[in-house]
Amino acid sequence: MIECSNLFIQCTIFPNEFKPKKLDGKTFGQLIIELENGVCNDETHLLIKKCKELNALRIRMVHKVTLKTSVKDIEKQAKSAKKMYDQAYKFFSEIREVYNISFGKYNADEMRELIRNF
């Protein structure tokens, strides 16, 4: 999604150059911030909200797993995480479809290649 946002910005300001930040090695929280700093609409805000909820749960599960947590509690958290993930993926899919429409007959990979070769 971040790459689609970056590509949309590049297409909008073309022929000027846009240098997006590198995403390699970023944490989930850092990627959420990058998404917030990109092109946002109502669905993107919903995706960001759901990703923040999922990240908060992930942090609780991973960093506090050794605290007095029962298997039943971990199972409950995992089910909650799966539900959040499914909701976030739904928003992601909807946003991706909007980008695909915006990019016209080209998909994001083809657009990126066209810009790179121009």
PDB file of N, CA and C in Angstrom:
ATOM      1  N   MET A   1       0.816  -1.177   0.000  1.00  0.00           N
ATOM      2  CA  MET A   1       0.000   0.000   0.000  1.00  0.00           C
ATOM      3  C   MET A   1       0.872   1.258   0.000  1.00  0.00           C
ATOM      4  N   ILE A   2       1.947   1.224   0.747  1.00  0.00           N
ATOM      5  CA  ILE A   2       2.850   2.366   0.794  1.00  0.00           C
ATOM      6  C   ILE A   2       3.450   2.599  -0.592  1.00  0.00           C
ATOM      7  N   GLU A   3       3.824   1.533  -1.279  1.00  0.00           N
ATOM      8  CA  GLU A   3       4.385   1.675  -2.615  1.00  0.00           C
ATOM      9  C   GLU A   3       3.355   2.237  -3.589  1.00  0.00           C
ATOM     10  N   CYS A   4       2.094   1.843  -3.447  1.00  0.00           N
ATOM     11  CA  CYS A   4       1.036   2.401  -4.300  1.00  0.00           C
ATOM     12  C   CYS A   4       0.895   3.896  -4.045  1.00  0.00           C
ATOM     13  N   SER A   5       0.928   4.291  -2.781  1.00  0.00           N
ATOM     14  CA  SER A   5       0.845   5.702  -2.422  1.00  0.00           C
ATOM     15  C   SER A   5       2.024   6.463  -3.025  1.00  0.00           C
ATOM     16  N   ASN A   6       3.213   5.896  -2.900  1.00  0.00           N
ATOM     17  CA  ASN A   6       4.400   6.535  -3.469  1.00  0.00           C
ATOM     18  C   ASN A   6       4.303   6.652  -4.986  1.00  0.00           C
ATOM     19  N   LEU A   7       3.804   5.604  -5.618  1.00  0.00           N
ATOM     20  CA  LEU A   7       3.646   5.615  -7.065  1.00  0.00           C
ATOM     21  C   LEU A   7       2.610   6.658  -7.482  1.00  0.00           C
ATOM     22  N   PHE A   8       1.537   6.770  -6.734  1.00  0.00           N
ATOM     23  CA  PHE A   8       0.505   7.769  -7.017  1.00  0.00           C
ATOM     24  C   PHE A   8       1.090   9.178  -6.923  1.00  0.00           C
ATOM     25  N   ILE A   9       1.900   9.414  -5.881  1.00  0.00           N
ATOM     26  CA  ILE A   9       2.561  10.716  -5.729  1.00  0.00           C
ATOM     27  C   ILE A   9       3.480  10.962  -6.923  1.00  0.00           C
ATOM     28  N   GLN A  10       4.278   9.966  -7.300  1.00  0.00           N
ATOM     29  CA  GLN A  10       5.192  10.124  -8.436  1.00  0.00           C
ATOM     30  C   GLN A  10       4.419  10.435  -9.712  1.00  0.00           C
ATOM     31  N   CYS A  11       3.317   9.735  -9.942  1.00  0.00           N
ATOM     32  CA  CYS A  11       2.512   9.993 -11.139  1.00  0.00           C
ATOM     33  C   CYS A  11       1.924  11.400 -11.113  1.00  0.00           C
ATOM     34  N   THR A  12       1.538  11.856  -9.942  1.00  0.00           N
ATOM     35  CA  THR A  12       0.919  13.167  -9.798  1.00  0.00           C
ATOM     36  C   THR A  12       1.903  14.298 -10.071  1.00  0.00           C
ATOM     37  N   ILE A  13       3.135  14.121  -9.634  1.00  0.00           N
ATOM     38  CA  ILE A  13       4.114  15.211  -9.786  1.00  0.00           C
ATOM     39  C   ILE A  13       5.005  15.046 -11.015  1.00  0.00           C
ATOM     40  N   PHE A  14       4.803  13.972 -11.775  1.00  0.00           N
ATOM     41  CA  PHE A  14       5.599  13.703 -12.959  1.00  0.00           C
ATOM     42  C   PHE A  14       5.578  14.918 -13.874  1.00  0.00           C
ATOM     43  N   PRO A  15       6.682  15.370 -14.420  1.00  0.00           N
ATOM     44  CA  PRO A  15       7.973  14.721 -14.593  1.00  0.00           C
ATOM     45  C   PRO A  15       8.963  14.995 -13.458  1.00  0.00           C
ATOM     46  N   ASN A  16       8.514  15.689 -12.409  1.00  0.00           N
ATOM     47  CA  ASN A  16       9.408  15.900 -11.268  1.00  0.00           C
ATOM     48  C   ASN A  16       9.694  14.565 -10.597  1.00  0.00           C
ATOM     49  N   GLU A  17      10.786  14.521  -9.872  1.00  0.00           N
ATOM     50  CA  GLU A  17      11.207  13.277  -9.235  1.00  0.00           C
ATOM     51  C   GLU A  17      10.751  13.229  -7.780  1.00  0.00           C
ATOM     52  N   PHE A  18      10.354  12.059  -7.354  1.00  0.00           N
ATOM     53  CA  PHE A  18       9.958  11.810  -5.965  1.00  0.00           C
ATOM     54  C   PHE A  18      10.810  10.658  -5.456  1.00  0.00           C
ATOM     55  N   LYS A  19      11.493  10.861  -4.346  1.00  0.00           N
ATOM     56  CA  LYS A  19      12.342   9.820  -3.757  1.00  0.00           C
ATOM     57  C   LYS A  19      11.678   9.299  -2.486  1.00  0.00           C
ATOM     58  N   PRO A  20      10.982   8.171  -2.575  1.00  0.00           N
ATOM     59  CA  PRO A  20      10.360   7.614  -1.359  1.00  0.00           C
ATOM     60  C   PRO A  20      11.408   7.035  -0.424  1.00  0.00           C
ATOM     61  N   LYS A  21      11.043   6.951   0.842  1.00  0.00           N
ATOM     62  CA  LYS A  21      11.945   6.365   1.835  1.00  0.00           C
ATOM     63  C   LYS A  21      12.056   4.860   1.596  1.00  0.00           C
ATOM     64  N   LYS A  22      13.192   4.323   1.946  1.00  0.00           N
ATOM     65  CA  LYS A  22      13.401   2.870   1.876  1.00  0.00           C
ATOM     66  C   LYS A  22      12.569   2.214   2.975  1.00  0.00           C
ATOM     67  N   LEU A  23      11.969   1.088   2.661  1.00  0.00           N
ATOM     68  CA  LEU A  23      11.105   0.394   3.615  1.00  0.00           C
ATOM     69  C   LEU A  23      11.765  -0.837   4.230  1.00  0.00           C
ATOM     70  N   ASP A  24      12.863  -1.273   3.643  1.00  0.00           N
ATOM     71  CA  ASP A  24      13.544  -2.473   4.150  1.00  0.00           C
ATOM     72  C   ASP A  24      13.956  -2.285   5.608  1.00  0.00           C
ATOM     73  N   GLY A  25      13.698  -3.296   6.412  1.00  0.00           N
ATOM     74  CA  GLY A  25      14.128  -3.286   7.805  1.00  0.00           C
ATOM     75  C   GLY A  25      13.239  -2.489   8.746  1.00  0.00           C
ATOM     76  N   LYS A  26      12.174  -1.905   8.235  1.00  0.00           N
ATOM     77  CA  LYS A  26      11.273  -1.126   9.096  1.00  0.00           C
ATOM     78  C   LYS A  26      10.385  -2.068   9.904  1.00  0.00           C
ATOM     79  N   THR A  27      10.082  -1.638  11.119  1.00  0.00           N
ATOM     80  CA  THR A  27       9.165  -2.409  11.961  1.00  0.00           C
ATOM     81  C   THR A  27       7.736  -2.153  11.502  1.00  0.00           C
ATOM     82  N   PHE A  28       6.819  -2.960  11.999  1.00  0.00           N
ATOM     83  CA  PHE A  28       5.406  -2.793  11.666  1.00  0.00           C
ATOM     84  C   PHE A  28       4.941  -1.394  12.076  1.00  0.00           C
ATOM     85  N   GLY A  29       5.331  -0.938  13.242  1.00  0.00           N
ATOM     86  CA  GLY A  29       4.970   0.398  13.708  1.00  0.00           C
ATOM     87  C   GLY A  29       5.521   1.489  12.803  1.00  0.00           C
ATOM     88  N   GLN A  30       6.755   1.326  12.352  1.00  0.00           N
ATOM     89  CA  GLN A  30       7.359   2.310  11.451  1.00  0.00           C
ATOM     90  C   GLN A  30       6.654   2.325  10.093  1.00  0.00           C
ATOM     91  N   LEU A  31       6.241   1.147   9.632  1.00  0.00           N
ATOM     92  CA  LEU A  31       5.512   1.076   8.359  1.00  0.00           C
ATOM     93  C   LEU A  31       4.145   1.743   8.478  1.00  0.00           C
ATOM     94  N   ILE A  32       3.515   1.620   9.633  1.00  0.00           N
ATOM     95  CA  ILE A  32       2.235   2.299   9.854  1.00  0.00           C
ATOM     96  C   ILE A  32       2.430   3.811   9.750  1.00  0.00           C
ATOM     97  N   ILE A  33       3.511   4.309  10.329  1.00  0.00           N
ATOM     98  CA  ILE A  33       3.807   5.748  10.249  1.00  0.00           C
ATOM     99  C   ILE A  33       4.035   6.163   8.796  1.00  0.00           C
ATOM    100  N   GLU A  34       4.757   5.352   8.033  1.00  0.00           N
ATOM    101  CA  GLU A  34       4.971   5.650   6.612  1.00  0.00           C
ATOM    102  C   GLU A  34       3.639   5.691   5.867  1.00  0.00           C
ATOM    103  N   LEU A  35       2.745   4.763   6.189  1.00  0.00           N
ATOM    104  CA  LEU A  35       1.429   4.744   5.563  1.00  0.00           C
ATOM    105  C   LEU A  35       0.645   6.000   5.920  1.00  0.00           C
ATOM    106  N   GLU A  36       0.738   6.428   7.175  1.00  0.00           N
ATOM    107  CA  GLU A  36       0.065   7.659   7.614  1.00  0.00           C
ATOM    108  C   GLU A  36       0.587   8.884   6.864  1.00  0.00           C
ATOM    109  N   ASN A  37       1.861   8.881   6.512  1.00  0.00           N
ATOM    110  CA  ASN A  37       2.479  10.026   5.841  1.00  0.00           C
ATOM    111  C   ASN A  37       2.275  10.023   4.330  1.00  0.00           C
ATOM    112  N   GLY A  38       1.568   9.023   3.823  1.00  0.00           N
ATOM    113  CA  GLY A  38       1.311   8.938   2.391  1.00  0.00           C
ATOM    114  C   GLY A  38      -0.062   9.484   2.036  1.00  0.00           C
ATOM    115  N   VAL A  39      -0.539   9.076   0.882  1.00  0.00           N
ATOM    116  CA  VAL A  39      -1.854   9.478   0.404  1.00  0.00           C
ATOM    117  C   VAL A  39      -2.902   8.717   1.207  1.00  0.00           C
ATOM    118  N   CYS A  40      -3.834   9.456   1.824  1.00  0.00           N
ATOM    119  CA  CYS A  40      -4.842   8.833   2.684  1.00  0.00           C
ATOM    120  C   CYS A  40      -6.254   9.232   2.256  1.00  0.00           C
ATOM    121  N   ASN A  41      -7.142   8.279   2.336  1.00  0.00           N
ATOM    122  CA  ASN A  41      -8.569   8.526   2.191  1.00  0.00           C
ATOM    123  C   ASN A  41      -9.258   7.856   3.377  1.00  0.00           C
ATOM    124  N   ASP A  42     -10.576   7.830   3.390  1.00  0.00           N
ATOM    125  CA  ASP A  42     -11.289   7.253   4.534  1.00  0.00           C
ATOM    126  C   ASP A  42     -10.892   5.800   4.786  1.00  0.00           C
ATOM    127  N   GLU A  43     -10.767   5.017   3.703  1.00  0.00           N
ATOM    128  CA  GLU A  43     -10.408   3.609   3.857  1.00  0.00           C
ATOM    129  C   GLU A  43      -8.987   3.453   4.390  1.00  0.00           C
ATOM    130  N   THR A  44      -8.089   4.324   3.955  1.00  0.00           N
ATOM    131  CA  THR A  44      -6.715   4.269   4.449  1.00  0.00           C
ATOM    132  C   THR A  44      -6.676   4.567   5.938  1.00  0.00           C
ATOM    133  N   HIS A  45      -7.471   5.537   6.377  1.00  0.00           N
ATOM    134  CA  HIS A  45      -7.531   5.844   7.810  1.00  0.00           C
ATOM    135  C   HIS A  45      -8.065   4.646   8.601  1.00  0.00           C
ATOM    136  N   LEU A  46      -9.035   3.929   8.034  1.00  0.00           N
ATOM    137  CA  LEU A  46      -9.558   2.726   8.699  1.00  0.00           C
ATOM    138  C   LEU A  46      -8.485   1.636   8.750  1.00  0.00           C
ATOM    139  N   LEU A  47      -7.745   1.480   7.664  1.00  0.00           N
ATOM    140  CA  LEU A  47      -6.651   0.504   7.632  1.00  0.00           C
ATOM    141  C   LEU A  47      -5.599   0.853   8.680  1.00  0.00           C
ATOM    142  N   ILE A  48      -5.226   2.110   8.761  1.00  0.00           N
ATOM    143  CA  ILE A  48      -4.223   2.549   9.730  1.00  0.00           C
ATOM    144  C   ILE A  48      -4.708   2.272  11.149  1.00  0.00           C
ATOM    145  N   LYS A  49      -5.959   2.591  11.420  1.00  0.00           N
ATOM    146  CA  LYS A  49      -6.522   2.349  12.761  1.00  0.00           C
ATOM    147  C   LYS A  49      -6.466   0.862  13.100  1.00  0.00           C
ATOM    148  N   LYS A  50      -6.858   0.016  12.154  1.00  0.00           N
ATOM    149  CA  LYS A  50      -6.858  -1.430  12.402  1.00  0.00           C
ATOM    150  C   LYS A  50      -5.430  -1.946  12.558  1.00  0.00           C
ATOM    151  N   CYS A  51      -4.498  -1.430  11.776  1.00  0.00           N
ATOM    152  CA  CYS A  51      -3.096  -1.843  11.899  1.00  0.00           C
ATOM    153  C   CYS A  51      -2.513  -1.430  13.248  1.00  0.00           C
ATOM    154  N   LYS A  52      -2.884  -0.253  13.737  1.00  0.00           N
ATOM    155  CA  LYS A  52      -2.418   0.183  15.056  1.00  0.00           C
ATOM    156  C   LYS A  52      -2.961  -0.735  16.148  1.00  0.00           C
ATOM    157  N   GLU A  53      -4.225  -1.130  16.033  1.00  0.00           N
ATOM    158  CA  GLU A  53      -4.807  -2.064  17.008  1.00  0.00           C
ATOM    159  C   GLU A  53      -4.079  -3.402  16.959  1.00  0.00           C
ATOM    160  N   LEU A  54      -3.842  -3.883  15.751  1.00  0.00           N
ATOM    161  CA  LEU A  54      -3.148  -5.158  15.580  1.00  0.00           C
ATOM    162  C   LEU A  54      -1.720  -5.072  16.113  1.00  0.00           C
ATOM    163  N   ASN A  55      -1.044  -3.964  15.879  1.00  0.00           N
ATOM    164  CA  ASN A  55       0.321  -3.801  16.367  1.00  0.00           C
ATOM    165  C   ASN A  55       0.357  -3.753  17.892  1.00  0.00           C
ATOM    166  N   ALA A  56      -0.613  -3.070  18.510  1.00  0.00           N
ATOM    167  CA  ALA A  56      -0.667  -3.009  19.975  1.00  0.00           C
ATOM    168  C   ALA A  56      -0.866  -4.412  20.548  1.00  0.00           C
ATOM    169  N   LEU A  57      -1.734  -5.196  19.933  1.00  0.00           N
ATOM    170  CA  LEU A  57      -1.949  -6.570  20.388  1.00  0.00           C
ATOM    171  C   LEU A  57      -0.690  -7.406  20.168  1.00  0.00           C
ATOM    172  N   ARG A  58      -0.035  -7.217  19.027  1.00  0.00           N
ATOM    173  CA  ARG A  58       1.202  -7.955  18.739  1.00  0.00           C
ATOM    174  C   ARG A  58       2.265  -7.652  19.795  1.00  0.00           C
ATOM    175  N   ILE A  59       2.380  -6.387  20.149  1.00  0.00           N
ATOM    176  CA  ILE A  59       3.368  -6.001  21.161  1.00  0.00           C
ATOM    177  C   ILE A  59       3.040  -6.660  22.501  1.00  0.00           C
ATOM    178  N   ARG A  60       1.771  -6.623  22.890  1.00  0.00           N
ATOM    179  CA  ARG A  60       1.372  -7.273  24.150  1.00  0.00           C
ATOM    180  C   ARG A  60       1.677  -8.765  24.122  1.00  0.00           C
ATOM    181  N   MET A  61       1.366  -9.402  22.991  1.00  0.00           N
ATOM    182  CA  MET A  61       1.561 -10.853  22.902  1.00  0.00           C
ATOM    183  C   MET A  61       3.044 -11.220  22.903  1.00  0.00           C
ATOM    184  N   VAL A  62       3.827 -10.527  22.127  1.00  0.00           N
ATOM    185  CA  VAL A  62       5.233 -10.889  21.952  1.00  0.00           C
ATOM    186  C   VAL A  62       6.089 -10.471  23.139  1.00  0.00           C
ATOM    187  N   HIS A  63       5.890  -9.269  23.602  1.00  0.00           N
ATOM    188  CA  HIS A  63       6.774  -8.737  24.630  1.00  0.00           C
ATOM    189  C   HIS A  63       6.341  -9.080  26.053  1.00  0.00           C
ATOM    190  N   LYS A  64       5.123  -9.566  26.196  1.00  0.00           N
ATOM    191  CA  LYS A  64       4.654  -9.889  27.543  1.00  0.00           C
ATOM    192  C   LYS A  64       4.216 -11.346  27.676  1.00  0.00           C
ATOM    193  N   VAL A  65       4.658 -12.171  26.741  1.00  0.00           N
ATOM    194  CA  VAL A  65       4.247 -13.572  26.738  1.00  0.00           C
ATOM    195  C   VAL A  65       4.761 -14.326  27.962  1.00  0.00           C
ATOM    196  N   THR A  66       5.856 -13.884  28.531  1.00  0.00           N
ATOM    197  CA  THR A  66       6.427 -14.590  29.679  1.00  0.00           C
ATOM    198  C   THR A  66       5.760 -14.183  30.999  1.00  0.00           C
ATOM    199  N   LEU A  67       4.967 -13.135  30.967  1.00  0.00           N
ATOM    200  CA  LEU A  67       4.244 -12.754  32.178  1.00  0.00           C
ATOM    201  C   LEU A  67       3.115 -13.744  32.417  1.00  0.00           C
ATOM    202  N   LYS A  68       2.480 -13.662  33.515  1.00  0.00           N
ATOM    203  CA  LYS A  68       1.466 -14.640  33.911  1.00  0.00           C
ATOM    204  C   LYS A  68       0.316 -14.731  32.901  1.00  0.00           C
ATOM    205  N   THR A  69       0.633 -15.261  31.733  1.00  0.00           N
ATOM    206  CA  THR A  69      -0.340 -15.410  30.654  1.00  0.00           C
ATOM    207  C   THR A  69      -0.652 -16.889  30.494  1.00  0.00           C
ATOM    208  N   SER A  70      -1.930 -17.202  30.462  1.00  0.00           N
ATOM    209  CA  SER A  70      -2.341 -18.596  30.293  1.00  0.00           C
ATOM    210  C   SER A  70      -2.448 -18.935  28.806  1.00  0.00           C
ATOM    211  N   VAL A  71      -2.457 -20.215  28.525  1.00  0.00           N
ATOM    212  CA  VAL A  71      -2.629 -20.675  27.156  1.00  0.00           C
ATOM    213  C   VAL A  71      -3.983 -20.199  26.632  1.00  0.00           C
ATOM    214  N   LYS A  72      -4.987 -20.204  27.479  1.00  0.00           N
ATOM    215  CA  LYS A  72      -6.323 -19.750  27.086  1.00  0.00           C
ATOM    216  C   LYS A  72      -6.296 -18.261  26.710  1.00  0.00           C
ATOM    217  N   ASP A  73      -5.546 -17.460  27.472  1.00  0.00           N
ATOM    218  CA  ASP A  73      -5.416 -16.039  27.171  1.00  0.00           C
ATOM    219  C   ASP A  73      -4.688 -15.828  25.844  1.00  0.00           C
ATOM    220  N   ILE A  74      -3.644 -16.591  25.619  1.00  0.00           N
ATOM    221  CA  ILE A  74      -2.892 -16.491  24.367  1.00  0.00           C
ATOM    222  C   ILE A  74      -3.791 -16.887  23.189  1.00  0.00           C
ATOM    223  N   GLU A  75      -4.577 -17.932  23.365  1.00  0.00           N
ATOM    224  CA  GLU A  75      -5.503 -18.370  22.312  1.00  0.00           C
ATOM    225  C   GLU A  75      -6.526 -17.270  22.016  1.00  0.00           C
ATOM    226  N   LYS A  76      -7.029 -16.627  23.041  1.00  0.00           N
ATOM    227  CA  LYS A  76      -7.995 -15.547  22.878  1.00  0.00           C
ATOM    228  C   LYS A  76      -7.356 -14.377  22.118  1.00  0.00           C
ATOM    229  N   GLN A  77      -6.124 -14.041  22.486  1.00  0.00           N
ATOM    230  CA  GLN A  77      -5.418 -12.951  21.814  1.00  0.00           C
ATOM    231  C   GLN A  77      -5.139 -13.300  20.351  1.00  0.00           C
ATOM    232  N   ALA A  78      -4.790 -14.545  20.098  1.00  0.00           N
ATOM    233  CA  ALA A  78      -4.512 -14.977  18.724  1.00  0.00           C
ATOM    234  C   ALA A  78      -5.775 -14.892  17.864  1.00  0.00           C
ATOM    235  N   LYS A  79      -6.908 -15.278  18.414  1.00  0.00           N
ATOM    236  CA  LYS A  79      -8.173 -15.175  17.678  1.00  0.00           C
ATOM    237  C   LYS A  79      -8.512 -13.714  17.414  1.00  0.00           C
ATOM    238  N   SER A  80      -8.255 -12.862  18.378  1.00  0.00           N
ATOM    239  CA  SER A  80      -8.488 -11.438  18.216  1.00  0.00           C
ATOM    240  C   SER A  80      -7.571 -10.874  17.129  1.00  0.00           C
ATOM    241  N   ALA A  81      -6.310 -11.304  17.133  1.00  0.00           N
ATOM    242  CA  ALA A  81      -5.348 -10.856  16.125  1.00  0.00           C
ATOM    243  C   ALA A  81      -5.797 -11.290  14.728  1.00  0.00           C
ATOM    244  N   LYS A  82      -6.286 -12.502  14.601  1.00  0.00           N
ATOM    245  CA  LYS A  82      -6.759 -13.007  13.303  1.00  0.00           C
ATOM    246  C   LYS A  82      -7.941 -12.178  12.814  1.00  0.00           C
ATOM    247  N   LYS A  83      -8.849 -11.839  13.698  1.00  0.00           N
ATOM    248  CA  LYS A  83     -10.006 -11.023  13.325  1.00  0.00           C
ATOM    249  C   LYS A  83      -9.551  -9.636  12.866  1.00  0.00           C
ATOM    250  N   MET A  84      -8.612  -9.027  13.614  1.00  0.00           N
ATOM    251  CA  MET A  84      -8.084  -7.713  13.236  1.00  0.00           C
ATOM    252  C   MET A  84      -7.375  -7.783  11.888  1.00  0.00           C
ATOM    253  N   TYR A  85      -6.591  -8.833  11.697  1.00  0.00           N
ATOM    254  CA  TYR A  85      -5.873  -9.002  10.433  1.00  0.00           C
ATOM    255  C   TYR A  85      -6.862  -9.102   9.272  1.00  0.00           C
ATOM    256  N   ASP A  86      -7.897  -9.904   9.428  1.00  0.00           N
ATOM    257  CA  ASP A  86      -8.891 -10.070   8.368  1.00  0.00           C
ATOM    258  C   ASP A  86      -9.565  -8.738   8.034  1.00  0.00           C
ATOM    259  N   GLN A  87      -9.873  -7.940   9.057  1.00  0.00           N
ATOM    260  CA  GLN A  87     -10.481  -6.631   8.825  1.00  0.00           C
ATOM    261  C   GLN A  87      -9.498  -5.703   8.106  1.00  0.00           C
ATOM    262  N   ALA A  88      -8.244  -5.705   8.544  1.00  0.00           N
ATOM    263  CA  ALA A  88      -7.230  -4.864   7.905  1.00  0.00           C
ATOM    264  C   ALA A  88      -7.036  -5.280   6.453  1.00  0.00           C
ATOM    265  N   TYR A  89      -7.036  -6.583   6.190  1.00  0.00           N
ATOM    266  CA  TYR A  89      -6.852  -7.068   4.827  1.00  0.00           C
ATOM    267  C   TYR A  89      -8.011  -6.639   3.927  1.00  0.00           C
ATOM    268  N   LYS A  90      -9.213  -6.610   4.485  1.00  0.00           N
ATOM    269  CA  LYS A  90     -10.385  -6.148   3.732  1.00  0.00           C
ATOM    270  C   LYS A  90     -10.183  -4.695   3.309  1.00  0.00           C
ATOM    271  N   PHE A  91      -9.755  -3.840   4.244  1.00  0.00           N
ATOM    272  CA  PHE A  91      -9.491  -2.439   3.910  1.00  0.00           C
ATOM    273  C   PHE A  91      -8.377  -2.340   2.869  1.00  0.00           C
ATOM    274  N   PHE A  92      -7.313  -3.126   3.071  1.00  0.00           N
ATOM    275  CA  PHE A  92      -6.181  -3.135   2.139  1.00  0.00           C
ATOM    276  C   PHE A  92      -6.656  -3.465   0.728  1.00  0.00           C
ATOM    277  N   SER A  93      -7.477  -4.492   0.597  1.00  0.00           N
ATOM    278  CA  SER A  93      -7.974  -4.922  -0.720  1.00  0.00           C
ATOM    279  C   SER A  93      -8.807  -3.831  -1.380  1.00  0.00           C
ATOM    280  N   GLU A  94      -9.636  -3.172  -0.595  1.00  0.00           N
ATOM    281  CA  GLU A  94     -10.468  -2.095  -1.135  1.00  0.00           C
ATOM    282  C   GLU A  94      -9.607  -0.927  -1.615  1.00  0.00           C
ATOM    283  N   ILE A  95      -8.596  -0.578  -0.828  1.00  0.00           N
ATOM    284  CA  ILE A  95      -7.710   0.531  -1.200  1.00  0.00           C
ATOM    285  C   ILE A  95      -6.914   0.164  -2.450  1.00  0.00           C
ATOM    286  N   ARG A  96      -6.428  -1.046  -2.498  1.00  0.00           N
ATOM    287  CA  ARG A  96      -5.651  -1.504  -3.667  1.00  0.00           C
ATOM    288  C   ARG A  96      -6.496  -1.427  -4.932  1.00  0.00           C
ATOM    289  N   GLU A  97      -7.768  -1.777  -4.835  1.00  0.00           N
ATOM    290  CA  GLU A  97      -8.668  -1.712  -5.991  1.00  0.00           C
ATOM    291  C   GLU A  97      -8.834  -0.267  -6.467  1.00  0.00           C
ATOM    292  N   VAL A  98      -8.929   0.671  -5.547  1.00  0.00           N
ATOM    293  CA  VAL A  98      -9.028   2.093  -5.910  1.00  0.00           C
ATOM    294  C   VAL A  98      -7.761   2.532  -6.644  1.00  0.00           C
ATOM    295  N   TYR A  99      -6.599   2.114  -6.140  1.00  0.00           N
ATOM    296  CA  TYR A  99      -5.353   2.447  -6.835  1.00  0.00           C
ATOM    297  C   TYR A  99      -5.324   1.828  -8.231  1.00  0.00           C
ATOM    298  N   ASN A 100      -5.751   0.587  -8.350  1.00  0.00           N
ATOM    299  CA  ASN A 100      -5.757  -0.062  -9.656  1.00  0.00           C
ATOM    300  C   ASN A 100      -6.651   0.689 -10.636  1.00  0.00           C
ATOM    301  N   ILE A 101      -7.779   1.189 -10.160  1.00  0.00           N
ATOM    302  CA  ILE A 101      -8.667   1.994 -11.009  1.00  0.00           C
ATOM    303  C   ILE A 101      -7.974   3.306 -11.365  1.00  0.00           C
ATOM    304  N   SER A 102      -7.328   3.917 -10.372  1.00  0.00           N
ATOM    305  CA  SER A 102      -6.631   5.187 -10.596  1.00  0.00           C
ATOM    306  C   SER A 102      -5.504   5.042 -11.613  1.00  0.00           C
ATOM    307  N   PHE A 103      -4.833   3.911 -11.578  1.00  0.00           N
ATOM    308  CA  PHE A 103      -3.723   3.692 -12.494  1.00  0.00           C
ATOM    309  C   PHE A 103      -4.225   3.275 -13.881  1.00  0.00           C
ATOM    310  N   GLY A 104      -5.511   3.124 -14.027  1.00  0.00           N
ATOM    311  CA  GLY A 104      -6.091   2.777 -15.319  1.00  0.00           C
ATOM    312  C   GLY A 104      -5.845   1.340 -15.694  1.00  0.00           C
ATOM    313  N   LYS A 105      -5.484   1.128 -16.943  1.00  0.00           N
ATOM    314  CA  LYS A 105      -5.320  -0.236 -17.441  1.00  0.00           C
ATOM    315  C   LYS A 105      -4.048  -0.900 -16.936  1.00  0.00           C
ATOM    316  N   TYR A 106      -3.152  -0.125 -16.316  1.00  0.00           N
ATOM    317  CA  TYR A 106      -1.903  -0.680 -15.824  1.00  0.00           C
ATOM    318  C   TYR A 106      -2.030  -1.068 -14.363  1.00  0.00           C
ATOM    319  N   ASN A 107      -1.401  -2.157 -13.975  1.00  0.00           N
ATOM    320  CA  ASN A 107      -1.333  -2.449 -12.545  1.00  0.00           C
ATOM    321  C   ASN A 107      -0.119  -1.718 -11.973  1.00  0.00           C
ATOM    322  N   ALA A 108       0.004  -1.726 -10.664  1.00  0.00           N
ATOM    323  CA  ALA A 108       1.056  -0.949  -9.992  1.00  0.00           C
ATOM    324  C   ALA A 108       2.450  -1.328 -10.480  1.00  0.00           C
ATOM    325  N   ASP A 109       2.709  -2.620 -10.688  1.00  0.00           N
ATOM    326  CA  ASP A 109       4.038  -3.045 -11.139  1.00  0.00           C
ATOM    327  C   ASP A 109       4.343  -2.516 -12.542  1.00  0.00           C
ATOM    328  N   GLU A 110       3.352  -2.553 -13.428  1.00  0.00           N
ATOM    329  CA  GLU A 110       3.555  -2.043 -14.783  1.00  0.00           C
ATOM    330  C   GLU A 110       3.786  -0.532 -14.774  1.00  0.00           C
ATOM    331  N   MET A 111       3.035   0.185 -13.920  1.00  0.00           N
ATOM    332  CA  MET A 111       3.207   1.632 -13.804  1.00  0.00           C
ATOM    333  C   MET A 111       4.612   1.966 -13.308  1.00  0.00           C
ATOM    334  N   ARG A 112       5.059   1.244 -12.297  1.00  0.00           N
ATOM    335  CA  ARG A 112       6.386   1.478 -11.742  1.00  0.00           C
ATOM    336  C   ARG A 112       7.457   1.290 -12.813  1.00  0.00           C
ATOM    337  N   GLU A 113       7.293   0.261 -13.634  1.00  0.00           N
ATOM    338  CA  GLU A 113       8.240  -0.020 -14.702  1.00  0.00           C
ATOM    339  C   GLU A 113       8.208   1.071 -15.778  1.00  0.00           C
ATOM    340  N   LEU A 114       7.022   1.562 -16.110  1.00  0.00           N
ATOM    341  CA  LEU A 114       6.908   2.644 -17.093  1.00  0.00           C
ATOM    342  C   LEU A 114       7.626   3.902 -16.612  1.00  0.00           C
ATOM    343  N   ILE A 115       7.443   4.250 -15.347  1.00  0.00           N
ATOM    344  CA  ILE A 115       8.081   5.442 -14.793  1.00  0.00           C
ATOM    345  C   ILE A 115       9.594   5.253 -14.761  1.00  0.00           C
ATOM    346  N   ARG A 116      10.029   4.070 -14.359  1.00  0.00           N
ATOM    347  CA  ARG A 116      11.461   3.797 -14.271  1.00  0.00           C
ATOM    348  C   ARG A 116      12.131   3.933 -15.646  1.00  0.00           C
ATOM    349  N   ASN A 117      11.414   3.545 -16.699  1.00  0.00           N
ATOM    350  CA  ASN A 117      11.992   3.543 -18.047  1.00  0.00           C
ATOM    351  C   ASN A 117      11.786   4.864 -18.776  1.00  0.00           C
ATOM    352  N   PHE A 118      11.071   5.797 -18.203  1.00  0.00           N
ATOM    353  CA  PHE A 118      10.773   7.047 -18.907  1.00  0.00           C
ATOM    354  C   PHE A 118      11.913   8.029 -18.822  1.00  0.00           C
TER     355      PHE A 118
END
